[in-house]
Protein backbone atom coordinates (compact mmCIF):
# COMPACT_ATOMS: atom_id res chain seq x y z
CA SER A 1 -32.55 -16.90 2.54
CA ILE A 2 -35.57 -16.76 0.27
CA LYS A 3 -37.11 -19.73 -1.43
CA ASN A 4 -39.58 -20.16 -4.28
CA VAL A 5 -42.31 -22.60 -3.32
CA SER A 6 -45.86 -22.88 -4.58
CA GLU A 7 -48.64 -23.74 -2.14
CA GLN A 8 -49.33 -27.14 -3.68
CA ASP A 9 -45.72 -28.21 -3.10
CA MET A 10 -45.69 -27.29 0.59
CA ASN A 11 -46.11 -30.67 2.34
CA ASP A 12 -42.70 -31.84 3.60
CA VAL A 13 -41.06 -30.96 0.33
CA ILE A 14 -37.35 -31.76 0.21
CA TRP A 15 -35.00 -30.15 -2.30
CA GLU A 16 -31.92 -32.07 -3.46
CA MET A 17 -29.20 -29.79 -4.80
CA ASN A 18 -25.58 -30.20 -5.83
CA ILE A 19 -23.44 -27.23 -4.77
CA PRO A 20 -20.80 -26.78 -7.50
CA THR A 21 -18.39 -24.26 -5.98
CA GLY A 22 -19.57 -23.27 -2.51
CA LEU A 23 -21.20 -20.14 -1.16
CA GLU A 24 -20.15 -17.63 -3.81
CA ALA A 25 -21.82 -19.71 -6.51
CA MET A 26 -25.18 -19.36 -4.78
CA LYS A 27 -25.62 -15.93 -6.34
CA SER A 28 -25.84 -17.43 -9.82
CA ILE A 29 -27.50 -20.79 -9.20
CA GLY A 30 -30.54 -21.35 -11.42
CA HIS A 31 -33.07 -24.01 -12.30
CA ASN A 32 -30.57 -26.37 -13.90
CA ASP A 33 -28.59 -26.63 -10.67
CA PHE A 34 -31.45 -28.46 -8.95
CA ILE A 35 -31.59 -32.23 -9.34
CA SER A 36 -35.17 -32.86 -8.24
CA THR A 37 -37.76 -32.25 -5.59
CA LYS A 38 -39.40 -35.09 -3.77
CA ASP A 39 -42.68 -34.86 -1.90
CA ASN A 40 -42.54 -37.43 0.90
CA SER A 41 -46.30 -37.10 1.39
CA ASN A 42 -46.96 -38.19 -2.19
CA ASP A 43 -45.02 -41.43 -2.61
CA GLY A 44 -41.81 -39.74 -3.70
CA GLU A 45 -43.28 -38.02 -6.73
CA THR A 46 -40.63 -35.89 -8.44
CA LYS A 47 -41.47 -32.25 -9.03
CA SER A 48 -39.74 -29.51 -10.99
CA GLY A 49 -36.98 -27.40 -9.46
CA ALA A 50 -36.76 -23.77 -8.41
CA THR A 51 -33.99 -21.31 -7.60
CA LYS A 52 -31.61 -20.07 -4.89
CA ILE A 53 -31.50 -21.64 -1.48
CA LEU A 54 -28.78 -20.47 0.89
CA LEU A 55 -27.73 -23.55 2.82
CA GLY A 56 -24.90 -22.29 4.98
CA ASP A 57 -21.21 -23.12 4.85
CA LEU A 58 -21.21 -25.89 2.24
CA LYS A 59 -18.29 -27.47 0.48
CA ALA A 60 -17.94 -27.75 -3.29
CA GLY A 61 -19.64 -30.83 -4.66
CA GLU A 62 -21.67 -31.46 -1.52
CA THR A 63 -25.28 -32.59 -1.89
CA LYS A 64 -27.68 -31.23 0.72
CA TYR A 65 -31.30 -31.97 1.59
CA VAL A 66 -33.37 -29.05 2.85
CA THR A 67 -36.90 -29.08 4.22
CA ILE A 68 -38.93 -26.21 2.76
CA GLU A 69 -41.17 -24.47 5.30
CA LEU A 70 -44.66 -23.11 4.73
CA GLY A 71 -45.38 -19.51 3.87
CA VAL A 72 -42.34 -18.61 1.78
CA GLN A 73 -42.37 -16.93 -1.62
CA GLU A 74 -39.35 -16.02 -3.77
CA PRO A 75 -38.94 -12.34 -4.58
CA ALA A 76 -39.15 -12.81 -8.20
CA GLU A 77 -36.20 -10.90 -9.56
CA GLU A 78 -34.18 -14.07 -9.02
CA ILE A 79 -36.44 -16.24 -11.15
CA ASN A 80 -37.32 -13.63 -13.75
CA ILE A 81 -40.90 -13.15 -12.64
CA VAL A 82 -40.45 -9.53 -11.54
CA SER A 83 -39.01 -6.83 -13.78
CA LYS A 84 -35.73 -5.11 -12.94
CA VAL A 85 -35.22 -2.55 -10.18
CA LYS A 86 -35.26 1.05 -11.45
CA ASN A 87 -34.40 4.46 -10.00
CA GLN A 88 -36.94 7.28 -9.75
CA GLY A 89 -34.15 9.68 -8.83
CA ASN A 90 -35.01 13.05 -7.32
CA THR A 91 -38.67 12.93 -8.38
CA ASN A 92 -42.00 12.16 -6.70
CA ALA A 93 -42.89 9.47 -9.22
CA CYS A 94 -42.78 6.43 -6.90
CA TRP A 95 -46.42 5.70 -7.75
CA ALA A 96 -45.57 5.54 -11.48
CA PHE A 97 -42.55 3.28 -10.89
CA SER A 98 -44.51 0.92 -8.67
CA GLY A 99 -47.45 0.91 -11.08
CA VAL A 100 -45.22 0.16 -14.06
CA SER A 101 -43.53 -2.61 -12.09
CA LEU A 102 -46.93 -4.21 -11.44
CA ILE A 103 -47.80 -4.15 -15.15
CA GLU A 104 -44.38 -5.40 -16.27
CA THR A 105 -44.59 -8.20 -13.72
CA ALA A 106 -48.14 -9.13 -14.74
CA ALA A 107 -46.99 -9.36 -18.36
CA MET A 108 -44.11 -11.67 -17.39
CA LYS A 109 -46.45 -13.80 -15.28
CA ALA A 110 -48.68 -14.09 -18.35
CA GLY A 111 -45.74 -15.54 -20.28
CA PHE A 112 -44.45 -12.50 -22.14
CA PRO A 113 -40.75 -11.53 -22.17
CA GLU A 114 -39.62 -8.76 -19.84
CA LEU A 115 -40.81 -5.32 -20.95
CA ASP A 116 -39.31 -1.98 -19.97
CA LEU A 117 -42.23 0.44 -19.87
CA SER A 118 -42.10 4.22 -19.57
CA GLU A 119 -42.79 5.72 -16.15
CA ARG A 120 -42.26 9.22 -17.50
CA HIS A 121 -45.09 8.72 -20.01
CA ILE A 122 -47.56 7.69 -17.29
CA ASN A 123 -46.54 10.70 -15.21
CA MET A 124 -46.90 13.26 -18.00
CA MET A 125 -50.10 11.75 -19.42
CA SER A 126 -51.58 12.02 -15.92
CA THR A 127 -50.85 15.76 -15.81
CA TYR A 128 -53.29 18.39 -17.12
CA LYS A 129 -50.67 21.13 -17.54
CA ALA A 130 -48.09 18.88 -19.16
CA TYR A 131 -47.31 21.12 -22.12
CA LEU A 132 -45.67 24.44 -22.84
CA ASN A 133 -47.42 27.44 -24.46
CA ASN A 134 -50.57 27.03 -22.34
CA GLU A 135 -51.54 23.83 -24.13
CA VAL A 136 -53.13 21.19 -21.91
CA ASN A 137 -53.48 17.44 -21.77
CA ILE A 138 -57.24 16.96 -21.60
CA SER A 139 -56.95 13.44 -20.14
CA GLY A 140 -54.64 14.54 -17.34
CA PHE A 141 -55.43 15.23 -13.69
CA ASN A 142 -55.30 18.66 -12.06
CA ARG A 143 -51.74 18.32 -10.85
CA LYS A 144 -48.19 19.34 -11.63
CA ALA A 145 -45.97 16.58 -12.99
CA ASN A 146 -43.91 16.37 -9.79
CA ASP A 147 -46.82 16.56 -7.35
CA GLY A 148 -46.89 12.84 -6.64
CA GLY A 149 -49.75 10.54 -7.53
CA ASN A 150 -51.45 7.23 -6.83
CA TYR A 151 -52.38 3.91 -8.41
CA THR A 152 -55.69 5.35 -9.68
CA TYR A 153 -53.67 7.46 -12.11
CA VAL A 154 -51.96 4.31 -13.40
CA ALA A 155 -55.26 2.47 -13.86
CA SER A 156 -56.85 5.47 -15.58
CA TYR A 157 -53.89 5.76 -17.94
CA ILE A 158 -54.13 2.09 -18.89
CA PHE A 159 -57.90 1.80 -19.26
CA ARG A 160 -58.40 5.00 -21.24
CA GLY A 161 -55.81 3.70 -23.73
CA ASP A 162 -53.05 6.28 -23.26
CA GLY A 163 -50.44 3.57 -22.74
CA ALA A 164 -48.36 1.77 -21.78
CA ILE A 165 -45.48 2.50 -24.14
CA LEU A 166 -41.86 1.38 -24.03
CA GLU A 167 -39.20 3.18 -22.02
CA ARG A 168 -37.12 3.70 -25.16
CA ASP A 169 -39.93 5.78 -26.68
CA PHE A 170 -40.09 8.24 -23.76
CA PRO A 171 -37.17 7.54 -21.41
CA TYR A 172 -36.33 8.84 -17.96
CA ILE A 173 -33.47 11.28 -18.45
CA LEU A 174 -30.96 13.42 -16.58
CA PRO A 175 -31.17 15.91 -15.02
CA TRP A 176 -34.03 14.49 -12.94
CA SER A 177 -36.02 17.73 -13.22
CA SER A 178 -36.32 17.16 -16.97
CA ASN A 179 -38.71 14.28 -16.29
CA TYR A 180 -41.43 16.52 -14.89
CA ALA A 181 -40.80 19.78 -16.72
CA PRO A 182 -43.55 20.79 -19.22
CA ILE A 183 -42.73 19.85 -22.81
CA ASN A 184 -43.88 20.86 -26.27
CA LYS A 185 -47.03 18.95 -27.14
CA SER A 186 -45.34 17.73 -30.32
CA SER A 187 -42.67 16.05 -28.18
CA MET A 188 -45.16 13.72 -26.49
CA PRO A 189 -44.96 10.29 -28.16
CA THR A 190 -48.08 9.21 -30.01
CA LYS A 191 -47.35 5.50 -29.82
CA LYS A 192 -50.27 3.15 -29.48
CA PRO A 193 -50.44 1.08 -26.25
CA ILE A 194 -48.39 -2.08 -26.59
CA LEU A 195 -50.54 -4.05 -24.16
CA SER A 196 -53.99 -4.29 -22.62
CA VAL A 197 -55.00 -5.08 -19.05
CA ASP A 198 -58.23 -6.88 -18.16
CA ASP A 199 -58.13 -6.95 -14.36
CA TYR A 200 -57.38 -4.18 -11.86
CA LEU A 201 -57.25 -4.92 -8.13
CA SER A 202 -57.87 -2.05 -5.71
CA ASP A 203 -58.36 -3.40 -2.20
CA TYR A 204 -58.42 -0.94 0.67
CA SER A 205 -58.67 -2.12 4.26
CA SER A 206 -58.95 0.12 7.29
CA SER A 207 -57.30 -2.52 9.46
CA THR A 208 -53.63 -3.13 10.11
CA CYS A 209 -51.95 -6.44 9.30
CA THR A 210 -54.26 -8.95 10.92
CA SER A 211 -53.44 -12.61 10.30
CA ASP A 212 -56.33 -12.85 7.83
CA ARG A 213 -55.22 -9.72 5.99
CA ILE A 214 -51.65 -10.98 5.70
CA GLU A 215 -52.88 -14.26 4.23
CA GLU A 216 -55.07 -12.33 1.80
CA ILE A 217 -52.13 -10.25 0.60
CA LYS A 218 -50.02 -13.39 0.22
CA SER A 219 -52.73 -14.85 -2.01
CA TYR A 220 -52.71 -11.65 -4.09
CA VAL A 221 -48.95 -11.91 -4.53
CA ARG A 222 -49.33 -15.49 -5.76
CA GLU A 223 -52.18 -14.53 -8.08
CA TYR A 224 -50.88 -11.23 -9.49
CA GLY A 225 -47.13 -11.82 -9.21
CA ALA A 226 -46.71 -8.55 -7.31
CA VAL A 227 -48.94 -5.97 -5.65
CA GLY A 228 -48.54 -2.29 -4.90
CA ALA A 229 -48.70 -0.81 -1.40
CA THR A 230 -47.89 2.46 0.37
CA ILE A 231 -45.71 3.22 3.39
CA ASN A 232 -44.30 6.11 5.41
CA SER A 233 -40.73 6.02 4.09
CA SER A 234 -39.40 8.68 6.45
CA ASN A 235 -40.20 6.73 9.60
CA GLY A 236 -39.21 3.14 10.14
CA TRP A 237 -35.73 2.08 8.98
CA THR A 238 -34.26 -0.23 11.59
CA SER A 239 -30.91 -1.02 9.98
CA LEU A 240 -28.21 1.22 8.57
CA ASP A 241 -28.12 -0.78 5.33
CA GLN A 242 -31.89 -0.22 4.95
CA HIS A 243 -32.69 -3.92 4.67
CA TYR A 244 -35.44 -3.83 7.32
CA PHE A 245 -38.37 -1.45 7.77
CA ILE A 246 -41.25 -1.03 10.22
CA ASN A 247 -43.42 2.01 10.91
CA THR A 248 -45.53 1.72 14.05
CA ARG A 249 -46.11 5.41 14.73
CA SER A 250 -47.37 7.36 11.71
CA ASP A 251 -50.61 6.76 9.79
CA TYR A 252 -49.38 9.03 7.00
CA THR A 253 -48.01 7.54 3.75
CA ASP A 254 -45.56 9.15 1.36
CA HIS A 255 -44.13 6.35 -0.78
CA ALA A 256 -45.42 3.60 -3.10
CA VAL A 257 -43.61 0.25 -3.20
CA THR A 258 -44.10 -3.17 -4.76
CA ILE A 259 -44.64 -6.32 -2.67
CA VAL A 260 -43.06 -9.23 -4.55
CA GLY A 261 -42.99 -11.92 -1.87
CA TYR A 262 -43.05 -12.77 1.82
CA ASP A 263 -41.09 -14.75 4.39
CA ASP A 264 -42.74 -15.81 7.64
CA ARG A 265 -39.38 -16.70 9.19
CA ILE A 266 -37.76 -13.27 9.18
CA SER A 267 -37.06 -12.63 12.85
CA LYS A 268 -38.92 -9.86 14.66
CA ASP A 269 -35.52 -8.96 16.17
CA ASN A 270 -34.59 -7.32 12.86
CA PHE A 271 -37.26 -4.66 13.45
CA ALA A 272 -37.84 -2.11 16.17
CA TYR A 273 -41.08 -2.74 18.08
CA ALA A 274 -42.16 -5.83 16.10
CA SER A 275 -44.20 -8.34 18.07
CA ARG A 276 -44.06 -11.26 15.64
CA ASP A 277 -41.82 -12.83 13.02
CA GLY A 278 -42.43 -12.43 9.31
CA ALA A 279 -42.08 -9.79 6.62
CA PHE A 280 -43.11 -8.86 3.12
CA ILE A 281 -40.34 -8.76 0.51
CA VAL A 282 -40.53 -5.39 -1.20
CA LYS A 283 -39.08 -4.00 -4.40
CA ASN A 284 -38.24 -0.29 -4.21
CA SER A 285 -37.59 2.36 -6.88
CA TRP A 286 -34.42 3.89 -5.47
CA GLY A 287 -31.96 1.94 -7.62
CA GLU A 288 -30.02 -1.27 -7.01
CA GLU A 289 -27.66 0.50 -4.59
CA PHE A 290 -30.48 0.75 -2.07
CA GLY A 291 -31.11 -2.05 0.44
CA ASP A 292 -30.45 -5.56 -0.87
CA ASN A 293 -29.98 -4.84 -4.59
CA GLY A 294 -33.07 -2.65 -4.52
CA TYR A 295 -35.19 -4.88 -2.24
CA PHE A 296 -35.95 -4.77 1.49
CA TYR A 297 -38.14 -6.40 4.15
CA ILE A 298 -41.20 -4.75 5.73
CA SER A 299 -42.43 -6.27 8.99
CA TYR A 300 -45.95 -7.68 9.20
CA ASP A 301 -46.37 -5.27 12.12
CA ASP A 302 -45.98 -2.18 9.91
CA LEU A 303 -48.88 0.21 10.43
CA ARG A 304 -49.64 0.90 6.74
CA ILE A 305 -48.31 -1.88 4.49
CA CYS A 306 -51.55 -3.90 4.56
CA ARG A 307 -53.96 -1.04 3.97
CA ASN A 308 -54.03 -0.10 0.27
CA ILE A 309 -53.27 -2.99 -2.10
CA THR A 310 -53.21 -2.74 -5.91
CA GLY A 311 -52.53 -5.21 -8.71
CA PHE A 312 -52.96 -5.83 -12.43
CA LYS A 313 -53.41 -9.03 -14.40
CA GLY A 314 -54.99 -10.32 -17.60
CA ILE A 315 -52.27 -8.89 -19.83
CA SER A 316 -52.44 -9.21 -23.60
CA VAL A 317 -50.09 -7.66 -26.15
CA ASN A 318 -51.77 -5.47 -28.74
CA GLU A 319 -51.11 -6.13 -32.43
CA TYR A 320 -51.18 -3.36 -35.00
CA ASP A 321 -50.35 -3.11 -38.69
CA HIS A 322 -48.44 0.08 -37.88
CA ILE A 323 -47.27 1.38 -34.51
């Protein structure tokens, strides 16, 4: 199971929780279901609660005490820190979906309500030949709209003031090919950006997941709420339900994902060729039917997950007289 624990609460913290109806109720347990937390190293000081701890085969009404271990972070969908899982469909827009997830998450971490931002708008505004009739988008890159992309496109889009805009103003639509087909220039929304970003993290490392690099990425997750990374998605699934992933063979990347947490206790036995326990908790963009409601684990021994890390923070919502 996955727990939400901040670093300052990590010394022999014990959670006291009343289980109202047994295991099935664990899926909906929230903050109000926790009685208190007590730090034995700090004279029994009571701290605020958190969410979701799977305790095993418990009986209704039973109270259980659980020692929280170091190095565990909740994947934030369960505590409303990460925005919802989306589906990129049959497109090459993983980079846009991961980038939007980072910005949505940063906004929520800054205290704003959940936003649903437009991935299609980032994709088209990052494309030079986005329009019909030989008209061009002068701020776009020399690419076709379904050529794939990277986090630099997302940062450029944000910092040049092209967006972000809401999903409802330029939604992803069916059929999937409609999302990257050239459009009339007049059909491109002219909405002003609804938010601003002050801080962009782009941290590339040529090394694999050393212990120091893993700890650095964990600190980024705590600071930014979520960070983007890239993997080789065609090489590494070690379970039929696609809950566990490790690539130890290919240095090539073809997919952008969002790291939302980590768990040092995930057994290496869940992965092929892993030499140590522990995994990052990753949000994907293949819909909620994929993996564990859209999430999966990537082993710390993955060849690429620690290389290219991206994040956004310092979110403020723009105010206009007319939008």
